[in-house]
Amino acid sequence: MHLRLHTTLRVALLCLAALFCSCVNGGKEEEDTTLLMLRFRGTATYTDKAWDSTFGMIKDNPGCCDEVWFSTGLGFPSLDIHRQRAAIITRGMRELRSIGVGSSLQVQMTIGHGDQLAKGEEQLYNELKWTRWTGSTGVVNEYCSCPRDPEFLKYMRQMAHIYAETHPRSVWIDDDLRYNNHKPATIGSHIGCWCDKCIEDFNAATNGKWTAKSLAKALAEGKNEDLVNAWEEFCISSLNDIARVIGEEFVKVSPETRLGLQGGWKTGARERMQRSILETLHQVSGQPVGYRPGGSSYYDEVNADGQIIKSMNCAAFRKSMGDPDWIAEWSAEVESWPRVYGSRTPQGVLVEGFSALAYGMNAVSMFVLAAEKESPEVYSQTMLRPLAIGTPMLRAYAKAIEGTVPVGYTAQEDNSKLYSFARTAIPVLPGCGKDLGQLDPADLSRVNLAKDVSDKVQDLREELDARSACPVVCCSPFIGLVIPRIDENGILRTIALQNVRIDSQGPVKLRLQNLPEGAKKAEWFEMKKDPVTLRICEENGSLFILIPQIAAWTCGFLSF
């Protein structure tokens, strides 16, 4: 018999601790990580009127977030402008605190993202009087800075000092702190800034006699690996100088503030850059830091599957970084562009956030609003209100998976192919967790879900389970993800399910192993629905549970 319980009571009890993990500005927070953040552009707080509208949306939709990420804004305006922005942010933090919402801060511009982003807002760059970013082809960015210019570093230190006085829970340096992708200068260019100062400093560091032309030619030939590595290290050191300047000011003024970096999730060459910056922030603060991996999959209509693959890629990046204990916060980027009504649905935002948590992130940063785009009424009704309805389940899940790791099969293939396989409801492990064994290419190509009968899929599930016992085996026709999590003793604690079809599915029968001693039932939490108590039944010596139905393109979890 299914026992239905009221959502408000049951979910509130399960996620009470998570609801109270929002920071208290100006002092230490009770927990290291806040779960659900709304990330803003500076346009949300450029004026008191803009902030009034933004605050009104959040206040009208309690539960839509646990924390707000304010922004220092784009451009290089006068320090007085930054002081005005910081004053509005300070007011905003105070008002958010009154409704139980915490506050962090983004340094939204260091070097500069690229010239295209400055169009229409050129007046915000009037203090950019130092050397510009220059590519190896000689192209100069008018709105991006040389990372080594002393005047630029002085400006960054002064700006950081102003915002450190707001005492945010965390400060997140945006992903323009990178040695590539500053268009147009970086199109067809080697990494790094190639202005006269940077070439001069590189020669001083390496006892070289390079010109920009001769160095570019040598790097293009690729024959001198030591030179290639030396240039990359030099470019990374330029970025570390900026991170150090920002970090030092926050540590001096607001030592309780955690330092963090927003960057990409792609492993390989750029991973070295991101890890180095994070290590610098860790060394400066002497405390754990945060990382927000992101990039891509910003549209529901073309990126629905891609959003889940992105969650898998973020988990893979955490693993490839070595999952050091000094990176305490892994906040998934869930974003849209240009953040208008048609870009993303709140359902897509919630589902991506859930998959990110299931595969290995421990926080979700939602960048889905832009004060200059849609009216507060549109955002409130079509984004924040549905989020407020759906986020309790995410909080409940985050609480339920504390002290657990995901379980699944691994593969050498990229996550796009692994996701296609994972839709068979066979658990896969793209990141850290309990490895059940490696899949080979033949396994990944065994099933074509669009053409093969469900019995063939079931045969593969059973075959893999026979190789290495999985804590959960799906025994029903079901196209979706199954992500079990176990505790340190190997006991099954949660099972996440995600329906990736555009219709409901169910009932879904699962065979269970390694349950908590004496377990007779489990709680089933589906997005935006009341939780249900389900019985665990025994058949022929095995334990099973039956989930009645899962709605289209949604998710839920079992908690034992």
Protein backbone atom coordinates (compact mmCIF):
# COMPACT_ATOMS: atom_id res chain seq x y z
CA MET A 1 0.00 0.00 0.00
CA HIS A 2 1.42 3.38 -1.00
CA LEU A 3 1.46 5.91 1.79
CA ARG A 4 1.28 9.43 0.37
CA LEU A 5 2.56 12.21 2.59
CA HIS A 6 2.26 15.92 2.17
CA THR A 7 5.22 17.41 0.29
CA THR A 8 5.70 20.38 2.56
CA LEU A 9 6.02 18.29 5.72
CA ARG A 10 8.05 15.32 4.47
CA VAL A 11 10.47 17.22 2.21
CA ALA A 12 10.95 19.97 4.79
CA LEU A 13 11.93 17.41 7.44
CA LEU A 14 14.36 15.59 5.16
CA CYS A 15 16.15 18.70 3.88
CA LEU A 16 15.92 20.97 6.95
CA ALA A 17 19.68 21.09 7.37
CA ALA A 18 20.20 21.97 3.71
CA LEU A 19 17.69 24.80 3.93
CA PHE A 20 19.65 26.35 6.79
CA CYS A 21 23.10 26.12 5.20
CA SER A 22 22.79 29.61 3.65
CA CYS A 23 25.59 31.80 4.86
CA VAL A 24 25.45 34.65 7.33
CA ASN A 25 27.46 37.45 5.73
CA GLY A 26 30.24 38.87 7.81
CA GLY A 27 30.79 35.61 9.71
CA LYS A 28 31.50 31.91 9.29
CA GLU A 29 28.76 29.80 7.79
CA GLU A 30 27.63 26.61 9.46
CA GLU A 31 28.34 24.42 6.41
CA ASP A 32 31.01 24.62 3.75
CA THR A 33 28.70 24.38 0.76
CA THR A 34 25.47 26.07 -0.20
CA LEU A 35 23.41 23.95 -2.56
CA LEU A 36 21.40 26.09 -4.99
CA MET A 37 22.62 29.46 -6.24
CA LEU A 38 21.17 32.06 -8.59
CA ARG A 39 23.96 33.75 -10.50
CA PHE A 40 23.44 37.31 -11.79
CA ARG A 41 25.02 39.71 -14.20
CA GLY A 42 25.89 43.14 -12.87
CA THR A 43 22.74 44.49 -14.50
CA ALA A 44 20.78 43.03 -11.56
CA THR A 45 22.39 45.58 -9.23
CA TYR A 46 23.69 48.45 -11.35
CA THR A 47 20.92 50.64 -9.88
CA ASP A 48 18.73 50.52 -6.80
CA LYS A 49 15.71 50.18 -9.08
CA ALA A 50 17.21 47.15 -10.81
CA TRP A 51 17.93 45.51 -7.47
CA ASP A 52 14.42 46.23 -6.20
CA SER A 53 13.03 44.27 -9.16
CA THR A 54 15.50 41.42 -8.67
CA PHE A 55 14.87 41.17 -4.95
CA GLY A 56 11.13 41.25 -5.49
CA MET A 57 11.33 38.17 -7.74
CA ILE A 58 13.30 36.21 -5.15
CA LYS A 59 11.13 37.28 -2.24
CA ASP A 60 7.96 36.36 -4.14
CA ASN A 61 9.30 32.85 -4.80
CA PRO A 62 10.72 31.47 -1.53
CA GLY A 63 12.80 28.37 -2.06
CA CYS A 64 13.89 29.22 -5.61
CA CYS A 65 17.49 29.45 -4.34
CA ASP A 66 19.60 29.24 -1.20
CA GLU A 67 22.06 31.90 -2.26
CA VAL A 68 22.61 34.66 -4.82
CA TRP A 69 25.87 35.24 -6.65
CA PHE A 70 26.16 38.99 -7.08
CA SER A 71 28.46 40.36 -9.77
CA THR A 72 31.08 43.09 -9.93
CA GLY A 73 29.80 43.68 -13.47
CA LEU A 74 31.45 43.92 -16.85
CA GLY A 75 33.95 46.50 -17.90
CA PHE A 76 36.67 48.56 -16.28
CA PRO A 77 34.77 51.56 -14.91
CA SER A 78 36.09 54.02 -12.34
CA LEU A 79 36.62 52.77 -8.80
CA ASP A 80 33.85 55.13 -7.71
CA ILE A 81 31.46 53.17 -9.92
CA HIS A 82 32.62 49.97 -8.21
CA ARG A 83 31.99 51.58 -4.83
CA GLN A 84 28.45 52.45 -5.93
CA ARG A 85 27.92 48.88 -7.14
CA ALA A 86 29.31 47.48 -3.89
CA ALA A 87 26.98 49.69 -1.85
CA ILE A 88 23.93 48.30 -3.68
CA ILE A 89 25.27 44.77 -3.26
CA THR A 90 25.73 45.36 0.47
CA ARG A 91 22.13 46.49 0.70
CA GLY A 92 21.09 43.46 -1.33
CA MET A 93 22.94 41.10 0.98
CA ARG A 94 21.20 42.59 3.98
CA GLU A 95 17.77 42.24 2.41
CA LEU A 96 18.44 38.68 1.27
CA ARG A 97 19.59 37.78 4.76
CA SER A 98 16.24 38.97 6.09
CA ILE A 99 14.48 36.28 4.02
CA GLY A 100 17.02 33.53 4.71
CA VAL A 101 18.99 33.71 1.46
CA GLY A 102 22.80 33.86 1.48
CA SER A 103 25.17 35.84 -0.74
CA SER A 104 28.35 35.27 -2.68
CA LEU A 105 30.10 37.36 -5.31
CA GLN A 106 31.52 36.95 -8.81
CA VAL A 107 34.45 38.93 -10.12
CA GLN A 108 32.81 38.93 -13.52
CA MET A 109 35.71 40.49 -15.36
CA THR A 110 39.46 40.17 -14.94
CA ILE A 111 41.27 40.19 -18.30
CA GLY A 112 38.02 40.57 -20.23
CA HIS A 113 35.95 37.97 -22.05
CA GLY A 114 36.24 39.35 -25.57
CA ASP A 115 35.47 42.47 -27.57
CA GLN A 116 32.05 41.24 -28.72
CA LEU A 117 30.72 41.31 -25.15
CA ALA A 118 31.59 44.99 -24.81
CA LYS A 119 29.33 46.09 -27.67
CA GLY A 120 26.65 48.43 -26.40
CA GLU A 121 28.43 48.87 -23.06
CA GLU A 122 31.65 50.53 -24.22
CA GLN A 123 31.19 53.30 -21.64
CA LEU A 124 31.91 50.75 -18.89
CA TYR A 125 35.50 50.38 -20.12
CA ASN A 126 36.65 53.97 -19.70
CA GLU A 127 39.42 53.12 -17.18
CA LEU A 128 41.10 50.65 -19.53
CA LYS A 129 44.14 52.85 -20.15
CA TRP A 130 46.80 50.18 -19.91
CA THR A 131 48.19 47.70 -22.45
CA ARG A 132 45.64 45.58 -24.26
CA TRP A 133 45.69 41.83 -24.81
CA THR A 134 47.58 41.06 -28.02
CA GLY A 135 47.55 37.86 -30.06
CA SER A 136 50.52 36.22 -31.72
CA THR A 137 49.17 37.37 -35.09
CA GLY A 138 49.36 41.00 -33.93
CA VAL A 139 45.61 41.47 -33.47
CA VAL A 140 44.79 43.57 -30.40
CA ASN A 141 41.68 43.31 -28.22
CA GLU A 142 40.35 46.78 -27.50
CA TYR A 143 38.46 45.63 -24.40
CA CYS A 144 40.78 43.00 -22.87
CA SER A 145 43.85 43.64 -20.72
CA CYS A 146 47.43 42.47 -20.75
CA PRO A 147 47.59 40.34 -17.59
CA ARG A 148 51.05 41.65 -16.66
CA ASP A 149 50.49 45.38 -16.96
CA PRO A 150 51.24 46.91 -13.49
CA GLU A 151 48.42 49.44 -13.81
CA PHE A 152 45.95 46.68 -14.60
CA LEU A 153 47.08 44.64 -11.57
CA LYS A 154 46.82 47.72 -9.39
CA TYR A 155 43.26 48.30 -10.61
CA MET A 156 42.32 44.68 -9.90
CA ARG A 157 43.71 44.90 -6.36
CA GLN A 158 41.82 48.12 -5.63
CA MET A 159 38.61 46.71 -7.07
CA ALA A 160 38.97 43.50 -5.05
CA HIS A 161 39.44 45.51 -1.87
CA ILE A 162 36.18 47.38 -2.48
CA TYR A 163 34.15 44.21 -2.92
CA ALA A 164 35.89 42.32 -0.13
CA GLU A 165 34.26 44.80 2.23
CA THR A 166 30.87 43.27 1.37
CA HIS A 167 32.01 40.04 3.13
CA PRO A 168 30.47 37.44 0.78
CA ARG A 169 30.38 33.75 1.66
CA SER A 170 32.48 33.02 -1.43
CA VAL A 171 34.07 35.01 -4.22
CA TRP A 172 34.16 33.39 -7.66
CA ILE A 173 36.58 34.63 -10.31
CA ASP A 174 34.94 34.36 -13.72
CA ASP A 175 36.25 32.22 -16.56
CA ASP A 176 37.83 35.08 -18.49
CA LEU A 177 40.88 34.35 -16.34
CA ARG A 178 42.28 32.18 -19.12
CA TYR A 179 45.12 32.25 -21.63
CA ASN A 180 42.88 31.67 -24.65
CA ASN A 181 39.49 32.69 -26.10
CA HIS A 182 39.79 36.45 -25.93
CA LYS A 183 38.40 37.27 -29.34
CA PRO A 184 39.35 38.61 -31.81
CA ALA A 185 43.03 38.54 -30.76
CA THR A 186 43.04 34.82 -29.98
CA ILE A 187 41.56 33.72 -33.32
CA GLY A 188 44.34 31.81 -35.06
CA SER A 189 46.72 32.77 -32.26
CA HIS A 190 48.91 30.83 -29.88
CA ILE A 191 47.88 30.98 -26.24
CA GLY A 192 48.77 33.97 -24.10
CA CYS A 193 49.27 37.68 -24.52
CA TRP A 194 51.95 38.68 -27.02
CA CYS A 195 52.38 42.36 -26.26
CA ASP A 196 55.89 43.79 -25.97
CA LYS A 197 55.90 43.54 -22.17
CA CYS A 198 54.92 39.87 -22.17
CA ILE A 199 57.64 38.97 -24.70
CA GLU A 200 60.16 41.01 -22.70
CA ASP A 201 59.16 39.30 -19.44
CA PHE A 202 59.32 35.86 -21.06
CA ASN A 203 62.85 36.53 -22.28
CA ALA A 204 63.86 37.69 -18.81
CA ALA A 205 62.40 34.53 -17.24
CA THR A 206 64.05 32.15 -19.73
CA ASN A 207 67.22 34.04 -20.73
CA GLY A 208 65.78 34.15 -24.23
CA LYS A 209 66.14 36.58 -27.11
CA TRP A 210 62.81 36.00 -28.77
CA THR A 211 60.76 38.41 -30.78
CA ALA A 212 57.02 37.84 -31.08
CA LYS A 213 57.57 36.70 -34.66
CA SER A 214 60.41 34.27 -33.95
CA LEU A 215 58.69 32.82 -30.88
CA ALA A 216 55.42 32.27 -32.77
CA LYS A 217 57.31 30.51 -35.55
CA ALA A 218 59.16 28.24 -33.11
CA LEU A 219 55.97 27.30 -31.28
CA ALA A 220 54.18 26.60 -34.56
CA GLU A 221 56.95 24.21 -35.62
CA GLY A 222 56.47 22.30 -32.33
CA LYS A 223 59.98 20.88 -32.37
CA ASN A 224 61.07 22.30 -29.01
CA GLU A 225 58.88 20.72 -26.33
CA ASP A 226 60.73 22.55 -23.56
CA LEU A 227 59.91 25.86 -25.23
CA VAL A 228 56.24 24.91 -25.59
CA ASN A 229 56.05 24.02 -21.88
CA ALA A 230 57.97 27.13 -20.86
CA TRP A 231 55.59 29.38 -22.78
CA GLU A 232 52.55 27.69 -21.27
CA GLU A 233 54.00 27.99 -17.75
CA PHE A 234 54.72 31.65 -18.40
CA CYS A 235 51.15 32.25 -19.59
CA ILE A 236 49.77 30.44 -16.54
CA SER A 237 51.99 32.47 -14.22
CA SER A 238 50.48 35.64 -15.70
CA LEU A 239 47.01 34.40 -14.74
CA ASN A 240 48.19 33.39 -11.28
CA ASP A 241 49.37 36.95 -10.64
CA ILE A 242 45.79 38.16 -11.17
CA ALA A 243 44.30 35.41 -8.97
CA ARG A 244 46.85 36.20 -6.27
CA VAL A 245 46.06 39.92 -6.28
CA ILE A 246 42.32 39.27 -5.91
CA GLY A 247 42.78 36.54 -3.33
CA GLU A 248 45.14 38.54 -1.17
CA GLU A 249 42.69 41.42 -0.84
CA PHE A 250 39.81 39.16 0.15
CA VAL A 251 41.96 37.27 2.66
CA LYS A 252 43.08 40.57 4.18
CA VAL A 253 39.65 42.18 4.41
CA SER A 254 37.27 39.20 4.59
CA PRO A 255 39.23 36.10 5.67
CA GLU A 256 35.99 34.13 6.13
CA THR A 257 35.27 34.34 2.39
CA ARG A 258 36.04 31.21 0.37
CA LEU A 259 37.95 31.73 -2.87
CA GLY A 260 36.69 30.05 -6.03
CA LEU A 261 37.16 29.87 -9.79
CA GLN A 262 34.69 29.50 -12.64
CA GLY A 263 36.12 27.62 -15.60
CA GLY A 264 35.56 24.88 -18.13
CA TRP A 265 35.21 21.12 -17.75
CA LYS A 266 37.38 19.94 -20.64
CA THR A 267 40.28 17.75 -19.63
CA GLY A 268 43.64 18.06 -21.30
CA ALA A 269 45.70 21.14 -22.05
CA ARG A 270 43.58 23.73 -20.24
CA GLU A 271 43.18 21.53 -17.16
CA ARG A 272 46.77 22.41 -16.21
CA MET A 273 45.88 26.10 -16.29
CA GLN A 274 42.78 25.73 -14.14
CA ARG A 275 44.42 23.53 -11.54
CA SER A 276 47.32 25.97 -11.20
CA ILE A 277 44.98 28.91 -10.59
CA LEU A 278 43.05 26.89 -8.00
CA GLU A 279 46.30 25.95 -6.26
CA THR A 280 47.25 29.62 -6.14
CA LEU A 281 43.92 30.54 -4.54
CA HIS A 282 44.34 27.69 -2.05
CA GLN A 283 47.86 28.82 -1.16
CA VAL A 284 46.80 32.44 -0.75
CA SER A 285 43.90 31.62 1.56
CA GLY A 286 45.24 28.53 3.30
CA GLN A 287 41.68 27.20 3.05
CA PRO A 288 39.72 24.90 0.73
CA VAL A 289 38.55 26.52 -2.51
CA GLY A 290 35.66 26.07 -4.91
CA TYR A 291 35.45 25.27 -8.61
CA ARG A 292 32.53 25.76 -10.97
CA PRO A 293 33.06 23.74 -14.16
CA GLY A 294 30.89 24.89 -17.04
CA GLY A 295 30.47 25.65 -20.71
CA SER A 296 27.94 24.69 -23.40
CA SER A 297 24.42 23.17 -23.53
CA TYR A 298 22.47 26.38 -22.99
CA TYR A 299 19.29 25.57 -24.95
CA ASP A 300 16.60 23.03 -24.13
CA GLU A 301 15.42 22.64 -27.71
CA VAL A 302 18.80 21.45 -29.01
CA ASN A 303 20.78 20.52 -25.88
CA ALA A 304 18.47 18.41 -23.69
CA ASP A 305 20.67 15.30 -23.88
CA GLY A 306 23.73 17.52 -23.93
CA GLN A 307 22.84 18.95 -20.53
CA ILE A 308 23.10 15.49 -18.97
CA ILE A 309 26.31 14.75 -20.87
CA LYS A 310 27.63 18.05 -19.49
CA SER A 311 26.94 16.76 -15.96
CA MET A 312 28.91 13.63 -16.80
CA ASN A 313 31.75 15.73 -18.20
CA CYS A 314 31.87 17.82 -15.03
CA ALA A 315 32.12 14.62 -12.97
CA ALA A 316 34.90 13.37 -15.26
CA PHE A 317 36.75 16.66 -14.81
CA ARG A 318 36.58 16.33 -11.02
CA LYS A 319 38.15 12.89 -11.33
CA SER A 320 40.82 14.04 -13.80
CA MET A 321 41.81 16.82 -11.39
CA GLY A 322 42.53 14.13 -8.82
CA ASP A 323 39.62 15.22 -6.62
CA PRO A 324 41.94 16.95 -4.10
CA ASP A 325 40.49 17.57 -0.66
CA TRP A 326 41.41 21.25 -0.93
CA ILE A 327 38.70 21.70 -3.59
CA ALA A 328 35.67 21.46 -1.32
CA GLU A 329 32.94 22.94 -3.48
CA TRP A 330 32.15 21.59 -6.95
CA SER A 331 29.36 23.77 -8.27
CA ALA A 332 27.82 22.76 -11.60
CA GLU A 333 27.09 25.51 -14.10
CA VAL A 334 23.46 25.30 -15.23
CA GLU A 335 23.10 28.14 -17.69
CA SER A 336 21.14 29.51 -20.60
CA TRP A 337 21.92 32.05 -23.29
CA PRO A 338 20.89 34.77 -23.77
CA ARG A 339 18.62 33.98 -20.80
CA VAL A 340 15.34 34.87 -22.46
CA TYR A 341 12.02 33.04 -22.12
CA GLY A 342 12.73 30.60 -24.95
CA SER A 343 16.29 29.66 -23.94
CA ARG A 344 15.65 27.20 -21.12
CA THR A 345 12.72 25.71 -19.25
CA PRO A 346 12.83 25.45 -15.47
CA GLN A 347 12.28 21.72 -15.92
CA GLY A 348 15.48 21.52 -17.94
CA VAL A 349 17.31 23.52 -15.28
CA LEU A 350 16.07 21.22 -12.50
CA VAL A 351 16.86 18.01 -14.37
CA GLU A 352 20.39 19.14 -15.25
CA GLY A 353 20.96 20.20 -11.65
CA PHE A 354 19.79 16.80 -10.43
CA SER A 355 22.02 14.86 -12.82
CA ALA A 356 24.99 17.02 -11.81
CA LEU A 357 24.44 16.15 -8.15
CA ALA A 358 23.92 12.47 -8.94
CA TYR A 359 27.17 12.14 -10.87
CA GLY A 360 29.43 14.07 -8.51
CA MET A 361 28.86 17.81 -8.07
CA ASN A 362 27.82 19.10 -4.64
CA ALA A 363 26.26 22.43 -5.60
CA VAL A 364 24.38 23.99 -8.53
CA SER A 365 24.92 27.50 -9.91
CA MET A 366 21.94 28.59 -12.04
CA PHE A 367 22.58 31.42 -14.50
CA VAL A 368 19.14 31.76 -16.07
CA LEU A 369 18.09 35.40 -15.55
CA ALA A 370 19.25 38.69 -17.06
CA ALA A 371 17.72 41.87 -15.70
CA GLU A 372 18.11 43.66 -19.02
CA LYS A 373 16.32 40.97 -21.04
CA GLU A 374 12.88 39.99 -19.72
CA SER A 375 10.48 41.69 -17.33
CA PRO A 376 10.48 40.69 -13.64
CA GLU A 377 6.95 39.34 -14.13
CA VAL A 378 8.05 37.00 -16.91
CA TYR A 379 11.06 35.71 -14.98
CA SER A 380 9.11 35.33 -11.76
CA GLN A 381 6.21 33.43 -13.31
CA THR A 382 8.02 31.30 -15.86
CA MET A 383 11.35 30.54 -14.16
CA LEU A 384 11.59 31.27 -10.44
CA ARG A 385 8.14 30.00 -9.47
CA PRO A 386 8.62 26.57 -11.08
CA LEU A 387 12.10 26.39 -9.59
CA ALA A 388 10.68 27.10 -6.14
CA ILE A 389 8.29 24.18 -6.63
CA GLY A 390 10.99 21.80 -7.87
CA THR A 391 14.02 22.62 -5.72
CA PRO A 392 12.83 20.93 -2.48
CA MET A 393 13.45 17.56 -4.12
CA LEU A 394 17.00 18.62 -5.04
CA ARG A 395 17.63 19.64 -1.45
CA ALA A 396 16.22 16.37 -0.21
CA TYR A 397 18.47 14.45 -2.61
CA ALA A 398 21.56 16.42 -1.59
CA LYS A 399 20.85 15.56 2.02
CA ALA A 400 20.21 11.90 1.24
CA ILE A 401 23.52 11.44 -0.64
CA GLU A 402 25.75 12.94 2.05
CA GLY A 403 28.58 10.52 2.76
CA THR A 404 27.91 8.45 -0.36
CA VAL A 405 29.54 7.91 -3.75
CA PRO A 406 27.99 6.89 -7.09
CA VAL A 407 28.38 3.36 -8.42
CA GLY A 408 28.71 2.25 -12.03
CA TYR A 409 30.65 0.82 -14.93
CA THR A 410 33.44 2.83 -16.53
CA ALA A 411 34.52 3.18 -20.16
CA GLN A 412 37.33 4.73 -22.17
CA GLU A 413 34.85 6.28 -24.60
CA ASP A 414 33.82 9.92 -24.42
CA ASN A 415 30.78 10.74 -22.31
CA SER A 416 28.56 11.33 -25.33
CA LYS A 417 28.80 7.64 -26.18
CA LEU A 418 28.70 6.61 -22.53
CA TYR A 419 25.47 8.57 -22.04
CA SER A 420 23.87 6.83 -25.01
CA PHE A 421 24.69 3.53 -23.31
CA ALA A 422 23.59 4.75 -19.87
CA ARG A 423 20.07 5.31 -21.21
CA THR A 424 19.66 1.53 -21.00
CA ALA A 425 19.33 2.05 -17.20
CA ILE A 426 22.71 0.40 -16.65
CA PRO A 427 24.66 2.47 -14.09
CA VAL A 428 27.77 4.16 -15.47
CA LEU A 429 30.48 6.05 -13.64
CA PRO A 430 31.92 9.07 -15.49
CA GLY A 431 33.70 10.44 -12.41
CA CYS A 432 34.71 9.42 -8.91
CA GLY A 433 32.96 6.59 -7.08
CA LYS A 434 32.74 2.80 -6.89
CA ASP A 435 33.88 1.17 -10.13
CA LEU A 436 32.04 -2.01 -11.12
CA GLY A 437 34.41 -2.76 -13.97
CA GLN A 438 35.27 -1.37 -17.38
CA LEU A 439 33.00 -1.61 -20.37
CA ASP A 440 34.58 -2.38 -23.72
CA PRO A 441 33.55 -0.94 -27.11
CA ALA A 442 31.55 -4.08 -27.84
CA ASP A 443 29.44 -3.52 -24.73
CA LEU A 444 28.70 0.06 -25.72
CA SER A 445 27.52 -0.93 -29.18
CA ARG A 446 25.45 -3.94 -28.15
CA VAL A 447 22.10 -2.16 -27.98
CA ASN A 448 20.31 0.29 -30.25
CA LEU A 449 17.44 1.55 -28.08
CA ALA A 450 15.48 2.82 -31.07
CA LYS A 451 15.53 -0.57 -32.85
CA ASP A 452 16.17 -3.41 -30.38
CA VAL A 453 13.52 -5.17 -28.33
CA SER A 454 13.45 -4.58 -24.57
CA ASP A 455 14.32 -8.23 -23.87
CA LYS A 456 17.70 -7.71 -25.54
CA VAL A 457 18.36 -4.74 -23.27
CA GLN A 458 17.42 -6.84 -20.25
CA ASP A 459 19.81 -9.59 -21.30
CA LEU A 460 22.65 -7.08 -21.33
CA ARG A 461 21.70 -5.77 -17.87
CA GLU A 462 21.76 -9.28 -16.45
CA GLU A 463 25.01 -10.17 -18.21
CA LEU A 464 26.82 -7.16 -16.81
CA ASP A 465 25.44 -7.80 -13.34
CA ALA A 466 26.77 -11.37 -13.51
CA ARG A 467 30.26 -9.98 -14.22
CA SER A 468 30.27 -7.70 -11.18
CA ALA A 469 27.25 -7.56 -8.91
CA CYS A 470 25.53 -4.19 -9.16
CA PRO A 471 23.51 -2.93 -6.17
CA VAL A 472 20.55 -2.27 -8.49
CA VAL A 473 19.38 -3.91 -11.71
CA CYS A 474 16.44 -2.54 -13.69
CA CYS A 475 14.03 -5.36 -14.61
CA SER A 476 11.48 -3.38 -16.64
CA PRO A 477 11.34 -1.79 -20.08
CA PHE A 478 12.77 1.61 -19.16
CA ILE A 479 14.80 4.13 -21.12
CA GLY A 480 16.58 6.36 -18.66
CA LEU A 481 19.39 6.70 -16.18
CA VAL A 482 19.84 4.69 -13.01
CA ILE A 483 22.49 6.05 -10.64
CA PRO A 484 22.93 4.19 -7.34
CA ARG A 485 24.96 5.54 -4.43
CA ILE A 486 26.56 3.62 -1.59
CA ASP A 487 28.04 4.62 1.76
CA GLU A 488 31.56 3.90 3.01
CA ASN A 489 30.47 0.41 4.05
CA GLY A 490 29.10 -0.44 0.61
CA ILE A 491 25.48 -0.16 1.75
CA LEU A 492 23.00 1.08 -0.86
CA ARG A 493 21.58 4.41 0.29
CA THR A 494 19.98 6.05 -2.73
CA ILE A 495 19.05 5.30 -6.33
CA ALA A 496 18.50 8.19 -8.74
CA LEU A 497 16.32 7.60 -11.79
CA GLN A 498 15.94 9.93 -14.74
CA ASN A 499 13.35 9.44 -17.45
CA VAL A 500 14.91 10.69 -20.68
CA ARG A 501 11.85 10.08 -22.86
CA ILE A 502 9.15 12.61 -23.74
CA ASP A 503 6.44 10.43 -22.21
CA SER A 504 5.89 8.90 -18.80
CA GLN A 505 7.30 5.46 -18.03
CA GLY A 506 6.41 2.84 -15.47
CA PRO A 507 5.94 0.88 -13.47
CA VAL A 508 9.70 0.36 -13.11
CA LYS A 509 10.85 -2.74 -11.24
CA LEU A 510 14.30 -2.74 -9.63
CA ARG A 511 16.22 -5.65 -8.11
CA LEU A 512 18.18 -4.57 -5.04
CA GLN A 513 21.30 -5.71 -3.20
CA ASN A 514 23.32 -4.54 -0.18
CA LEU A 515 20.42 -2.78 1.51
CA PRO A 516 20.58 -1.42 5.05
CA GLU A 517 19.95 -4.18 7.56
CA GLY A 518 16.25 -4.77 8.11
CA ALA A 519 15.15 -2.43 5.31
CA LYS A 520 11.50 -3.07 4.46
CA LYS A 521 10.62 0.11 2.59
CA ALA A 522 12.03 3.15 0.83
CA GLU A 523 10.92 6.70 0.15
CA TRP A 524 10.38 7.65 -3.50
CA PHE A 525 10.81 11.36 -4.27
CA GLU A 526 9.81 12.49 -7.74
CA MET A 527 10.29 16.06 -8.92
CA LYS A 528 7.31 18.30 -8.08
CA LYS A 529 5.29 15.45 -6.55
CA ASP A 530 4.49 14.23 -3.07
CA PRO A 531 6.93 11.61 -1.78
CA VAL A 532 5.66 8.04 -1.60
CA THR A 533 6.59 5.17 0.72
CA LEU A 534 7.24 2.01 -1.30
CA ARG A 535 7.53 -1.52 0.03
CA ILE A 536 10.53 -3.75 -0.63
CA CYS A 537 9.28 -7.20 -1.66
CA GLU A 538 10.99 -10.58 -1.82
CA GLU A 539 10.65 -12.86 -4.84
CA ASN A 540 12.55 -16.13 -5.18
CA GLY A 541 15.21 -15.00 -2.73
CA SER A 542 15.78 -11.57 -4.31
CA LEU A 543 14.59 -8.15 -3.16
CA PHE A 544 12.61 -5.88 -5.47
CA ILE A 545 10.92 -2.50 -5.40
CA LEU A 546 8.35 -1.15 -7.87
CA ILE A 547 8.20 2.53 -8.81
CA PRO A 548 4.67 3.23 -10.12
CA GLN A 549 5.47 5.84 -12.75
CA ILE A 550 7.99 8.52 -13.71
CA ALA A 551 6.84 11.55 -15.67
CA ALA A 552 8.36 12.60 -19.00
CA TRP A 553 11.86 14.11 -18.89
CA THR A 554 11.96 14.22 -15.12
CA CYS A 555 13.78 12.56 -12.26
CA GLY A 556 13.43 11.16 -8.80
CA PHE A 557 15.25 9.11 -6.21
CA LEU A 558 14.78 6.28 -3.75
CA SER A 559 16.13 6.76 -0.24
CA PHE A 560 16.67 3.73 1.99
